[in-house]
Protein backbone atom coordinates (compact mmCIF):
# COMPACT_ATOMS: atom_id res chain seq x y z
CA MET A 1 73.39 -9.00 139.89
CA ALA A 2 72.04 -5.96 138.11
CA ALA A 3 75.58 -4.51 137.85
CA ALA A 4 76.82 -7.72 136.16
CA SER A 5 73.98 -7.56 133.65
CA ILE A 6 74.79 -3.97 132.86
CA GLU A 7 78.46 -4.84 132.27
CA ILE A 8 77.54 -7.74 129.96
CA PHE A 9 75.13 -5.48 128.07
CA ALA A 10 77.80 -2.76 127.75
CA GLY A 11 80.39 -5.29 126.56
CA LEU A 12 78.06 -6.79 123.93
CA THR A 13 77.03 -3.32 122.76
CA SER A 14 80.68 -2.27 122.38
CA LEU A 15 81.52 -5.47 120.47
CA SER A 16 78.52 -4.93 118.19
CA ALA A 17 79.62 -1.35 117.52
CA VAL A 18 83.16 -2.49 116.59
CA ILE A 19 81.80 -5.13 114.21
CA LEU A 20 79.39 -2.62 112.62
CA VAL A 21 82.07 0.06 112.13
CA THR A 22 84.54 -2.50 110.68
CA TRP A 23 81.89 -3.72 108.23
CA MET A 24 81.09 -0.11 107.25
CA VAL A 25 84.76 0.65 106.53
CA PHE A 26 85.07 -2.29 104.14
CA TRP A 27 81.70 -1.50 102.55
CA MET A 28 82.69 2.14 102.00
CA LYS A 29 86.04 1.11 100.49
CA ARG A 30 84.28 -1.20 98.02
CA ILE A 31 81.70 1.44 97.10
CA ALA A 32 84.39 4.13 96.70
CA ARG A 33 86.25 1.93 94.18
CA SER A 34 83.15 1.47 92.03
CA MET A 35 82.27 5.18 92.33
CA ARG A 36 85.75 6.15 91.11
CA ASN A 37 85.32 3.88 88.08
CA GLU A 38 81.90 5.36 87.36
CA LEU A 39 83.31 8.88 87.56
CA GLU A 40 85.95 8.02 84.98
CA ALA A 41 83.50 6.50 82.51
CA LYS A 42 81.70 8.99 80.31
CA VAL A 43 79.61 6.98 77.86
CA GLU A 44 76.37 8.44 76.60
CA LYS A 45 74.14 6.86 73.98
CA GLY A 46 76.87 4.29 73.25
CA ASN A 47 79.68 6.79 72.68
CA GLY A 48 82.37 8.07 75.00
CA SER A 49 85.39 7.00 76.96
CA ARG A 50 86.37 5.11 80.07
CA ILE A 51 89.54 5.02 82.12
CA LEU A 52 90.63 2.06 84.21
CA ARG A 53 92.97 2.49 87.17
CA ASP A 54 94.32 0.07 89.76
CA LEU A 55 93.53 0.48 93.44
CA LYS A 56 96.45 2.89 93.85
CA GLY A 57 95.10 5.14 91.10
CA THR A 58 97.71 4.16 88.50
CA LEU A 59 96.38 4.46 84.95
CA LEU A 60 96.00 1.02 83.35
CA CYS A 61 94.13 1.80 80.15
CA LYS A 62 92.00 4.29 78.26
CA ASP A 63 89.15 3.07 76.08
CA GLU A 64 87.12 4.81 73.40
CA ILE A 65 83.59 3.52 72.92
CA GLU A 66 81.66 4.02 69.66
CA HIS A 67 78.12 2.79 69.01
CA GLY A 68 78.27 0.71 72.19
CA PHE A 69 81.48 -1.13 71.23
CA LEU A 70 85.13 -0.77 72.15
CA ALA A 71 86.78 1.18 69.30
CA LYS A 72 90.27 1.91 70.66
CA ARG A 73 92.31 0.89 73.69
CA GLU A 74 95.57 2.32 74.98
CA SER A 75 97.21 0.42 77.85
CA PHE A 76 100.00 1.72 80.05
CA TYR A 77 102.84 0.48 82.22
CA ALA A 78 102.88 1.47 85.90
CA SER A 79 105.45 4.14 84.96
CA GLY A 80 102.84 5.77 82.70
CA SER A 81 104.56 4.95 79.41
CA PRO A 82 102.42 3.31 76.70
CA GLU A 83 102.32 -0.49 76.67
CA SER A 84 100.03 -0.99 73.67
CA THR A 85 97.53 0.67 71.35
CA ALA A 86 94.87 -1.17 69.40
CA THR A 87 91.81 -0.37 67.33
CA TYR A 88 88.62 -2.40 67.25
CA LEU A 89 85.56 -2.87 65.06
CA LYS A 90 82.39 -3.90 66.93
CA GLY A 91 84.55 -4.98 69.86
CA LYS A 92 86.97 -7.16 67.84
CA LEU A 93 90.57 -6.27 67.08
CA HIS A 94 90.61 -4.55 63.70
CA GLY A 95 93.40 -2.41 62.31
CA VAL A 96 96.89 -1.90 63.70
CA LYS A 97 97.93 -3.09 67.15
CA GLN A 98 101.25 -1.81 68.48
CA ILE A 99 103.07 -3.12 71.55
CA PHE A 100 105.97 -1.29 73.21
CA THR A 101 108.60 -1.89 75.87
CA GLU A 102 108.46 0.27 78.98
CA LYS A 103 111.23 2.41 77.41
CA GLY A 104 109.05 3.03 74.34
CA GLU A 105 110.83 0.71 71.90
CA PRO A 106 108.58 -1.33 69.61
CA LEU A 107 107.94 -4.98 70.46
CA ALA A 108 105.30 -5.75 67.84
CA THR A 109 103.18 -4.22 65.11
CA GLU A 110 100.30 -6.42 64.05
CA ASN A 111 97.50 -5.98 61.54
CA TRP A 112 94.10 -7.34 62.49
CA ALA A 113 90.81 -7.89 60.65
CA GLU A 114 87.66 -8.64 62.65
CA GLY A 115 89.53 -10.40 65.46
CA HIS A 116 92.09 -12.27 63.31
CA LEU A 117 95.71 -11.50 62.50
CA HIS A 118 95.57 -10.42 58.87
CA GLY A 119 98.48 -8.94 56.95
CA ILE A 120 102.09 -8.55 58.03
CA ALA A 121 102.97 -8.89 61.72
CA VAL A 122 106.36 -7.43 62.63
CA TYR A 123 108.19 -8.38 65.83
CA TYR A 124 111.16 -6.54 67.30
CA ASN A 125 114.03 -7.34 69.64
CA ASN A 126 115.77 -4.42 71.39
CA GLY A 127 114.05 -2.01 69.01
CA ARG A 128 115.31 -3.80 65.88
CA LYS A 129 113.08 -5.61 63.43
CA GLU A 130 113.60 -9.33 64.00
CA ILE A 131 110.85 -11.11 62.09
CA GLU A 132 107.95 -10.46 59.72
CA ILE A 133 105.15 -13.00 59.49
CA PRO A 134 102.34 -12.79 56.92
CA TYR A 135 98.84 -13.82 58.03
CA ILE A 136 95.52 -14.31 56.33
CA LEU A 137 92.54 -14.47 58.68
CA GLY A 138 94.59 -15.72 61.62
CA LYS A 139 96.68 -18.32 59.82
CA LYS A 140 100.28 -17.96 58.75
CA HIS A 141 100.44 -17.52 54.99
CA GLY A 142 103.66 -17.36 53.01
CA LEU A 143 107.24 -17.11 54.13
CA GLU A 144 108.51 -15.60 57.36
CA THR A 145 111.29 -13.08 56.95
CA HIS A 146 114.00 -13.06 59.63
CA PHE A 147 116.36 -10.10 59.88
CA LEU A 148 120.01 -9.98 60.90
CA ASP A 149 121.40 -7.26 63.16
CA ASP A 150 121.82 -4.89 60.22
CA ASN A 151 118.14 -5.32 59.15
CA THR A 152 118.95 -7.39 56.07
């Protein structure tokens, strides 16, 4: 009977070890992800930069932080080409936001003021200007201008 008890004890100990090691692997993977993000964030006294990557290490975006707020963001396609650039004031869109296709052609150029579309927004199709829309504080204001293939 003592031999059977020893075998049960050995089996339970082995099972416990497998469970513990499996848990440790997942824990280490989770911690490594957060450590990588911490290593790519250099913000001191509210100023600096941070880089966000997916789990494979592909660059998703670069942020500039000023006075504790997001000041600029550049986002990227998986290929590494720019997807968009935008500037911010106290964390709200403010200034020019540009959006590109993966090949680098413009999709949109928008003007923002404190989180609202403000000014002329230009939208493109296949790299050609297709439409201009004027905005004042987030609301369309005035006439839209649509362009033909020859930009007239």
